[in-house]
Amino acid sequence: MFVIASFENSIYIELAISALEQQGISKEMILAAPLDKRKELRGLFDTIHKSDGFSLFDGPAILGTCLMLLGAIYGYVLEWGPILWGIIGAVSGLLLGFLIKMLLLKKNKRGNGRITSEVVLMVRCEDHKWDQVEKILWDHFALGLTKI
C-alpha cells in the first residue's frame, strides 16, 4: 500500500520521516519530493476555458451598476437628465471598481502567498501499519492524506 501526504516545507516533515523510521519503516520505503512553485504571476483576465479564481470584473460590474442606478435616479433633478447621468455613473463606477480591484490584486501579489503545499511524501507500508502511519502524518501537520 502507498500512503501519499502533502506538507508545507517545514521541520514537521523531517520529524514525520524520523517518526516513521522509528516505527520500523525503512528509508527505502519513504520518498519526499519537493514541488516547484509557480514563477510567473497568474494572469489578470479569465477566459471561457480557464479561470484561476481571480475575477477582475465582478467588483467593477457591481460598482458600475450601483453608480448607474444612482446617476439615473438623481439625473431627474440634475441638468443633463437621467440617461446621461446613468451613463456617467456606469462608466465612473466601472473605472473606480477596476482601479480598486487592481490595487487589491497588487497588494496581495495575485495569490502567490496562498499556495502552501510544497512537499509530497510517499510511504510504502503494509496494510496493518496504516493506522500508525496515518496518525503519525496527521500529528505532524500533514495538509492532505490518501492511501492507494
N, C-alpha and C. Protein backbone atom coordinates (compact mmCIF):
# COMPACT_ATOMS: atom_id res chain seq x y z
N MET A 1 0.83 -1.16 0.00
CA MET A 1 0.00 0.00 0.00
C MET A 1 0.89 1.24 0.00
N PHE A 2 0.45 2.26 -0.72
CA PHE A 2 1.14 3.55 -0.73
C PHE A 2 0.32 4.56 0.05
N VAL A 3 1.00 5.34 0.86
CA VAL A 3 0.38 6.45 1.57
C VAL A 3 1.01 7.73 1.02
N ILE A 4 0.18 8.64 0.56
CA ILE A 4 0.67 9.89 -0.03
C ILE A 4 0.14 11.04 0.82
N ALA A 5 1.05 11.94 1.21
CA ALA A 5 0.67 13.09 2.04
C ALA A 5 1.37 14.33 1.50
N SER A 6 0.73 15.47 1.70
CA SER A 6 1.37 16.74 1.32
C SER A 6 1.62 17.56 2.58
N PHE A 7 2.75 18.24 2.59
CA PHE A 7 3.19 19.02 3.73
C PHE A 7 3.65 20.39 3.26
N GLU A 8 3.62 21.36 4.16
CA GLU A 8 4.35 22.59 3.93
C GLU A 8 5.83 22.28 4.13
N ASN A 9 6.66 23.07 3.49
CA ASN A 9 8.10 22.85 3.61
C ASN A 9 8.56 23.38 4.97
N SER A 10 8.58 22.49 5.96
CA SER A 10 8.93 22.89 7.33
C SER A 10 9.64 21.73 8.01
N ILE A 11 9.96 21.92 9.26
CA ILE A 11 10.64 20.89 10.05
C ILE A 11 9.73 19.71 10.34
N TYR A 12 8.42 19.91 10.25
CA TYR A 12 7.48 18.84 10.59
C TYR A 12 7.59 17.64 9.65
N ILE A 13 7.97 17.86 8.42
CA ILE A 13 8.12 16.72 7.51
C ILE A 13 9.33 15.88 7.91
N GLU A 14 10.38 16.53 8.37
CA GLU A 14 11.55 15.79 8.85
C GLU A 14 11.21 15.00 10.11
N LEU A 15 10.43 15.61 10.99
CA LEU A 15 10.01 14.90 12.19
C LEU A 15 9.10 13.72 11.86
N ALA A 16 8.24 13.89 10.86
CA ALA A 16 7.36 12.80 10.44
C ALA A 16 8.18 11.64 9.86
N ILE A 17 9.19 11.95 9.06
CA ILE A 17 10.03 10.90 8.47
C ILE A 17 10.78 10.14 9.55
N SER A 18 11.33 10.86 10.53
CA SER A 18 12.06 10.16 11.60
C SER A 18 11.11 9.34 12.47
N ALA A 19 9.88 9.81 12.67
CA ALA A 19 8.90 9.03 13.44
C ALA A 19 8.49 7.77 12.67
N LEU A 20 8.39 7.88 11.35
CA LEU A 20 8.08 6.69 10.54
C LEU A 20 9.21 5.68 10.60
N GLU A 21 10.44 6.16 10.57
CA GLU A 21 11.58 5.26 10.66
C GLU A 21 11.63 4.57 12.02
N GLN A 22 11.22 5.26 13.08
CA GLN A 22 11.19 4.65 14.41
C GLN A 22 10.10 3.57 14.50
N GLN A 23 9.09 3.65 13.67
CA GLN A 23 8.02 2.65 13.65
C GLN A 23 8.37 1.44 12.80
N GLY A 24 9.56 1.41 12.25
CA GLY A 24 10.01 0.24 11.51
C GLY A 24 9.91 0.35 10.01
N ILE A 25 9.62 1.51 9.48
CA ILE A 25 9.56 1.69 8.02
C ILE A 25 10.94 2.17 7.58
N SER A 26 11.54 1.43 6.66
CA SER A 26 12.91 1.75 6.26
C SER A 26 12.96 2.98 5.36
N LYS A 27 14.16 3.55 5.22
CA LYS A 27 14.35 4.74 4.39
C LYS A 27 14.03 4.49 2.93
N GLU A 28 14.22 3.23 2.50
CA GLU A 28 13.95 2.89 1.11
C GLU A 28 12.45 2.92 0.78
N MET A 29 11.60 2.88 1.79
CA MET A 29 10.16 2.88 1.59
C MET A 29 9.55 4.28 1.70
N ILE A 30 10.39 5.30 1.92
CA ILE A 30 9.91 6.68 2.09
C ILE A 30 10.50 7.55 0.99
N LEU A 31 9.64 8.33 0.35
CA LEU A 31 10.09 9.26 -0.69
C LEU A 31 9.47 10.62 -0.41
N ALA A 32 10.31 11.64 -0.30
CA ALA A 32 9.85 13.02 -0.14
C ALA A 32 10.28 13.79 -1.37
N ALA A 33 9.31 14.40 -2.07
CA ALA A 33 9.59 15.13 -3.30
C ALA A 33 9.10 16.57 -3.15
N PRO A 34 10.01 17.54 -3.21
CA PRO A 34 9.58 18.94 -3.15
C PRO A 34 8.98 19.38 -4.48
N LEU A 35 7.98 20.25 -4.41
CA LEU A 35 7.33 20.76 -5.60
C LEU A 35 7.90 22.14 -5.93
N ASP A 36 8.02 22.43 -7.23
CA ASP A 36 8.45 23.76 -7.66
C ASP A 36 7.27 24.71 -7.59
N LYS A 37 7.52 25.93 -7.16
CA LYS A 37 6.47 26.94 -7.12
C LYS A 37 6.37 27.63 -8.47
N ARG A 38 5.20 28.17 -8.73
CA ARG A 38 4.96 28.92 -9.95
C ARG A 38 5.84 30.16 -9.94
N LYS A 39 6.57 30.39 -11.03
CA LYS A 39 7.47 31.53 -11.10
C LYS A 39 6.79 32.75 -11.69
N GLU A 40 5.94 32.56 -12.68
CA GLU A 40 5.26 33.70 -13.29
C GLU A 40 3.96 33.98 -12.54
N LEU A 41 3.56 35.22 -12.56
CA LEU A 41 2.33 35.62 -11.89
C LEU A 41 1.12 35.08 -12.64
N ARG A 42 0.02 34.94 -11.94
CA ARG A 42 -1.20 34.50 -12.57
C ARG A 42 -1.71 35.58 -13.50
N GLY A 43 -2.44 35.17 -14.52
CA GLY A 43 -2.98 36.14 -15.47
C GLY A 43 -4.08 36.97 -14.85
N LEU A 44 -4.24 38.19 -15.35
CA LEU A 44 -5.27 39.07 -14.82
C LEU A 44 -6.65 38.73 -15.35
N PHE A 45 -6.72 38.23 -16.57
CA PHE A 45 -8.01 38.02 -17.21
C PHE A 45 -8.33 36.54 -17.30
N ASP A 46 -9.56 36.19 -16.96
CA ASP A 46 -10.04 34.83 -17.11
C ASP A 46 -10.57 34.65 -18.52
N THR A 47 -10.48 33.44 -19.03
CA THR A 47 -11.06 33.14 -20.33
C THR A 47 -12.24 32.21 -20.13
N ILE A 48 -12.88 31.86 -21.22
CA ILE A 48 -14.01 30.95 -21.12
C ILE A 48 -13.55 29.53 -20.81
N HIS A 49 -12.29 29.23 -21.07
CA HIS A 49 -11.77 27.88 -20.88
C HIS A 49 -11.03 27.67 -19.57
N LYS A 50 -10.57 28.73 -18.95
CA LYS A 50 -9.86 28.57 -17.68
C LYS A 50 -10.13 29.76 -16.78
N SER A 51 -10.16 29.48 -15.50
CA SER A 51 -10.33 30.51 -14.50
C SER A 51 -9.50 30.14 -13.29
N ASP A 52 -8.78 31.10 -12.74
CA ASP A 52 -7.92 30.82 -11.59
C ASP A 52 -8.49 31.35 -10.29
N GLY A 53 -9.73 31.79 -10.29
CA GLY A 53 -10.36 32.23 -9.07
C GLY A 53 -10.29 33.73 -8.83
N PHE A 54 -9.55 34.46 -9.64
CA PHE A 54 -9.48 35.90 -9.53
C PHE A 54 -10.30 36.51 -10.65
N SER A 55 -11.44 37.04 -10.33
CA SER A 55 -12.26 37.69 -11.33
C SER A 55 -12.00 39.18 -11.26
N LEU A 56 -11.64 39.76 -12.37
CA LEU A 56 -11.27 41.17 -12.39
C LEU A 56 -12.47 42.07 -12.61
N PHE A 57 -13.60 41.52 -13.06
CA PHE A 57 -14.72 42.37 -13.44
C PHE A 57 -15.94 42.23 -12.53
N ASP A 58 -15.88 41.43 -11.48
CA ASP A 58 -17.05 41.32 -10.62
C ASP A 58 -17.27 42.59 -9.80
N GLY A 59 -16.25 43.10 -9.17
CA GLY A 59 -16.36 44.34 -8.40
C GLY A 59 -16.71 45.55 -9.24
N PRO A 60 -16.00 45.76 -10.38
CA PRO A 60 -16.37 46.89 -11.23
C PRO A 60 -17.80 46.80 -11.78
N ALA A 61 -18.28 45.60 -12.07
CA ALA A 61 -19.65 45.47 -12.57
C ALA A 61 -20.65 45.86 -11.49
N ILE A 62 -20.41 45.44 -10.26
CA ILE A 62 -21.32 45.78 -9.17
C ILE A 62 -21.30 47.27 -8.89
N LEU A 63 -20.10 47.85 -8.81
CA LEU A 63 -19.98 49.28 -8.54
C LEU A 63 -20.54 50.11 -9.70
N GLY A 64 -20.30 49.67 -10.93
CA GLY A 64 -20.85 50.37 -12.09
C GLY A 64 -22.37 50.35 -12.10
N THR A 65 -22.96 49.22 -11.73
CA THR A 65 -24.42 49.12 -11.66
C THR A 65 -24.99 50.03 -10.59
N CYS A 66 -24.35 50.06 -9.43
CA CYS A 66 -24.83 50.91 -8.33
C CYS A 66 -24.75 52.39 -8.71
N LEU A 67 -23.63 52.82 -9.26
CA LEU A 67 -23.49 54.23 -9.61
C LEU A 67 -24.35 54.60 -10.81
N MET A 68 -24.62 53.64 -11.72
CA MET A 68 -25.54 53.90 -12.82
C MET A 68 -26.95 54.14 -12.29
N LEU A 69 -27.35 53.32 -11.33
CA LEU A 69 -28.68 53.47 -10.74
C LEU A 69 -28.80 54.81 -10.01
N LEU A 70 -27.78 55.16 -9.24
CA LEU A 70 -27.81 56.45 -8.55
C LEU A 70 -27.80 57.61 -9.53
N GLY A 71 -27.02 57.48 -10.60
CA GLY A 71 -26.99 58.53 -11.61
C GLY A 71 -28.33 58.69 -12.31
N ALA A 72 -29.01 57.58 -12.59
CA ALA A 72 -30.31 57.65 -13.24
C ALA A 72 -31.36 58.23 -12.29
N ILE A 73 -31.28 57.89 -11.01
CA ILE A 73 -32.25 58.40 -10.05
C ILE A 73 -32.07 59.91 -9.86
N TYR A 74 -30.85 60.33 -9.57
CA TYR A 74 -30.61 61.75 -9.33
C TYR A 74 -30.52 62.55 -10.62
N GLY A 75 -30.48 61.89 -11.76
CA GLY A 75 -30.49 62.59 -13.04
C GLY A 75 -31.79 63.31 -13.32
N TYR A 76 -32.86 62.91 -12.66
CA TYR A 76 -34.14 63.59 -12.86
C TYR A 76 -34.12 65.01 -12.30
N VAL A 77 -33.29 65.25 -11.29
CA VAL A 77 -33.22 66.59 -10.72
C VAL A 77 -32.00 67.36 -11.21
N LEU A 78 -31.06 66.70 -11.86
CA LEU A 78 -29.87 67.37 -12.38
C LEU A 78 -30.13 67.85 -13.80
N GLU A 79 -29.23 68.65 -14.31
CA GLU A 79 -29.46 69.34 -15.57
C GLU A 79 -29.43 68.44 -16.80
N TRP A 80 -28.54 67.47 -16.88
CA TRP A 80 -28.35 66.71 -18.12
C TRP A 80 -29.35 65.56 -18.29
N GLY A 81 -30.08 65.23 -17.28
CA GLY A 81 -31.11 64.21 -17.40
C GLY A 81 -30.64 62.85 -16.91
N PRO A 82 -31.58 61.91 -16.75
CA PRO A 82 -31.26 60.61 -16.16
C PRO A 82 -30.43 59.70 -17.06
N ILE A 83 -30.60 59.78 -18.35
CA ILE A 83 -29.85 58.87 -19.24
C ILE A 83 -28.37 59.21 -19.23
N LEU A 84 -28.06 60.48 -19.39
CA LEU A 84 -26.65 60.89 -19.41
C LEU A 84 -25.99 60.64 -18.06
N TRP A 85 -26.68 60.97 -16.96
CA TRP A 85 -26.11 60.74 -15.64
C TRP A 85 -25.99 59.25 -15.34
N GLY A 86 -26.88 58.44 -15.87
CA GLY A 86 -26.76 56.99 -15.73
C GLY A 86 -25.53 56.46 -16.43
N ILE A 87 -25.27 56.96 -17.64
CA ILE A 87 -24.06 56.54 -18.38
C ILE A 87 -22.81 57.02 -17.66
N ILE A 88 -22.82 58.26 -17.18
CA ILE A 88 -21.67 58.78 -16.44
C ILE A 88 -21.43 57.95 -15.17
N GLY A 89 -22.50 57.60 -14.47
CA GLY A 89 -22.36 56.78 -13.27
C GLY A 89 -21.83 55.39 -13.58
N ALA A 90 -22.29 54.78 -14.67
CA ALA A 90 -21.83 53.44 -15.03
C ALA A 90 -20.35 53.45 -15.39
N VAL A 91 -19.93 54.41 -16.21
CA VAL A 91 -18.52 54.48 -16.62
C VAL A 91 -17.62 54.79 -15.43
N SER A 92 -18.04 55.75 -14.59
CA SER A 92 -17.20 56.08 -13.44
C SER A 92 -17.17 54.93 -12.44
N GLY A 93 -18.26 54.20 -12.26
CA GLY A 93 -18.27 53.05 -11.37
C GLY A 93 -17.38 51.92 -11.88
N LEU A 94 -17.42 51.67 -13.20
CA LEU A 94 -16.55 50.64 -13.78
C LEU A 94 -15.08 51.00 -13.59
N LEU A 95 -14.74 52.26 -13.87
CA LEU A 95 -13.34 52.67 -13.74
C LEU A 95 -12.88 52.65 -12.27
N LEU A 96 -13.73 53.13 -11.38
CA LEU A 96 -13.38 53.12 -9.96
C LEU A 96 -13.26 51.69 -9.43
N GLY A 97 -14.18 50.82 -9.81
CA GLY A 97 -14.11 49.42 -9.37
C GLY A 97 -12.90 48.70 -9.93
N PHE A 98 -12.57 48.97 -11.19
CA PHE A 98 -11.39 48.36 -11.79
C PHE A 98 -10.12 48.83 -11.09
N LEU A 99 -10.05 50.11 -10.74
CA LEU A 99 -8.88 50.64 -10.04
C LEU A 99 -8.76 50.02 -8.65
N ILE A 100 -9.86 49.89 -7.93
CA ILE A 100 -9.83 49.28 -6.61
C ILE A 100 -9.39 47.82 -6.70
N LYS A 101 -9.92 47.08 -7.67
CA LYS A 101 -9.57 45.66 -7.83
C LYS A 101 -8.09 45.50 -8.18
N MET A 102 -7.57 46.36 -9.04
CA MET A 102 -6.15 46.28 -9.39
C MET A 102 -5.27 46.58 -8.18
N LEU A 103 -5.64 47.54 -7.36
CA LEU A 103 -4.86 47.84 -6.16
C LEU A 103 -4.89 46.68 -5.18
N LEU A 104 -6.05 46.03 -5.03
CA LEU A 104 -6.13 44.87 -4.14
C LEU A 104 -5.30 43.70 -4.66
N LEU A 105 -5.31 43.49 -5.97
CA LEU A 105 -4.53 42.39 -6.54
C LEU A 105 -3.03 42.64 -6.43
N LYS A 106 -2.61 43.91 -6.62
CA LYS A 106 -1.19 44.21 -6.46
C LYS A 106 -0.74 44.06 -5.01
N LYS A 107 -1.63 44.42 -4.08
CA LYS A 107 -1.29 44.30 -2.67
C LYS A 107 -1.15 42.83 -2.27
N ASN A 108 -1.98 41.95 -2.83
CA ASN A 108 -1.95 40.53 -2.49
C ASN A 108 -1.01 39.72 -3.36
N LYS A 109 -0.30 40.33 -4.26
CA LYS A 109 0.63 39.66 -5.18
C LYS A 109 -0.07 38.57 -5.99
N ARG A 110 -1.34 38.79 -6.29
CA ARG A 110 -2.15 37.89 -7.11
C ARG A 110 -2.18 36.47 -6.61
N GLY A 111 -2.22 36.28 -5.29
CA GLY A 111 -2.47 34.97 -4.71
C GLY A 111 -1.29 34.04 -4.59
N ASN A 112 -0.06 34.51 -4.83
CA ASN A 112 1.08 33.60 -4.75
C ASN A 112 1.37 33.16 -3.31
N GLY A 113 1.00 33.95 -2.32
CA GLY A 113 1.29 33.59 -0.94
C GLY A 113 0.38 32.51 -0.39
N ARG A 114 -0.72 32.23 -1.07
CA ARG A 114 -1.68 31.27 -0.52
C ARG A 114 -1.34 29.83 -0.87
N ILE A 115 -0.50 29.59 -1.82
CA ILE A 115 -0.16 28.22 -2.21
C ILE A 115 0.79 27.65 -1.16
N THR A 116 0.33 26.63 -0.44
CA THR A 116 1.11 26.17 0.70
C THR A 116 1.69 24.76 0.52
N SER A 117 1.13 23.94 -0.32
CA SER A 117 1.59 22.56 -0.45
C SER A 117 2.91 22.55 -1.23
N GLU A 118 3.99 22.19 -0.54
CA GLU A 118 5.29 22.27 -1.18
C GLU A 118 6.04 20.95 -1.23
N VAL A 119 5.71 19.99 -0.38
CA VAL A 119 6.43 18.72 -0.34
C VAL A 119 5.41 17.59 -0.34
N VAL A 120 5.64 16.60 -1.19
CA VAL A 120 4.79 15.41 -1.23
C VAL A 120 5.59 14.26 -0.65
N LEU A 121 4.99 13.55 0.29
CA LEU A 121 5.64 12.43 0.97
C LEU A 121 4.91 11.15 0.58
N MET A 122 5.65 10.18 0.06
CA MET A 122 5.08 8.87 -0.29
C MET A 122 5.72 7.82 0.60
N VAL A 123 4.88 7.00 1.21
CA VAL A 123 5.35 5.96 2.11
C VAL A 123 4.76 4.64 1.64
N ARG A 124 5.62 3.63 1.48
CA ARG A 124 5.15 2.29 1.14
C ARG A 124 5.19 1.45 2.41
N CYS A 125 4.01 0.93 2.79
CA CYS A 125 3.94 0.17 4.03
C CYS A 125 2.92 -0.95 3.88
N GLU A 126 2.89 -1.83 4.86
CA GLU A 126 1.92 -2.92 4.87
C GLU A 126 0.57 -2.39 5.36
N ASP A 127 -0.48 -3.16 5.07
CA ASP A 127 -1.83 -2.73 5.44
C ASP A 127 -2.02 -2.59 6.94
N HIS A 128 -1.37 -3.43 7.71
CA HIS A 128 -1.58 -3.39 9.16
C HIS A 128 -0.91 -2.18 9.81
N LYS A 129 -0.01 -1.48 9.11
CA LYS A 129 0.64 -0.29 9.66
C LYS A 129 -0.07 1.00 9.25
N TRP A 130 -1.17 0.89 8.54
CA TRP A 130 -1.87 2.08 8.04
C TRP A 130 -2.29 3.02 9.17
N ASP A 131 -2.83 2.49 10.24
CA ASP A 131 -3.30 3.33 11.34
C ASP A 131 -2.15 4.11 11.98
N GLN A 132 -1.00 3.44 12.16
CA GLN A 132 0.16 4.11 12.75
C GLN A 132 0.67 5.22 11.83
N VAL A 133 0.80 4.90 10.54
CA VAL A 133 1.31 5.88 9.58
C VAL A 133 0.37 7.07 9.48
N GLU A 134 -0.93 6.80 9.44
CA GLU A 134 -1.90 7.88 9.36
C GLU A 134 -1.82 8.79 10.58
N LYS A 135 -1.74 8.21 11.74
CA LYS A 135 -1.66 9.00 12.97
C LYS A 135 -0.39 9.84 13.00
N ILE A 136 0.73 9.26 12.59
CA ILE A 136 2.00 9.99 12.59
C ILE A 136 1.92 11.19 11.63
N LEU A 137 1.39 10.96 10.45
CA LEU A 137 1.35 12.04 9.46
C LEU A 137 0.39 13.15 9.88
N TRP A 138 -0.77 12.78 10.42
CA TRP A 138 -1.70 13.83 10.88
C TRP A 138 -1.13 14.57 12.08
N ASP A 139 -0.43 13.87 12.96
CA ASP A 139 0.17 14.52 14.13
C ASP A 139 1.27 15.50 13.76
N HIS A 140 1.88 15.30 12.60
CA HIS A 140 2.95 16.19 12.14
C HIS A 140 2.45 17.18 11.09
N PHE A 141 1.16 17.51 11.16
CA PHE A 141 0.56 18.59 10.40
C PHE A 141 0.59 18.38 8.88
N ALA A 142 0.18 17.21 8.44
CA ALA A 142 0.03 16.98 7.01
C ALA A 142 -1.15 17.81 6.51
N LEU A 143 -1.03 18.35 5.29
CA LEU A 143 -2.13 19.13 4.70
C LEU A 143 -3.20 18.22 4.13
N GLY A 144 -2.80 17.09 3.57
CA GLY A 144 -3.73 16.14 2.99
C GLY A 144 -3.12 14.76 3.00
N LEU A 145 -3.99 13.73 2.94
CA LEU A 145 -3.50 12.36 3.09
C LEU A 145 -4.41 11.43 2.30
N THR A 146 -3.81 10.45 1.62
CA THR A 146 -4.58 9.43 0.93
C THR A 146 -3.79 8.14 0.91
N LYS A 147 -4.50 7.04 0.68
CA LYS A 147 -3.81 5.75 0.55
C LYS A 147 -4.25 5.11 -0.75
N ILE A 148 -3.31 4.40 -1.33
CA ILE A 148 -3.57 3.70 -2.59
C ILE A 148 -3.22 2.23 -2.39
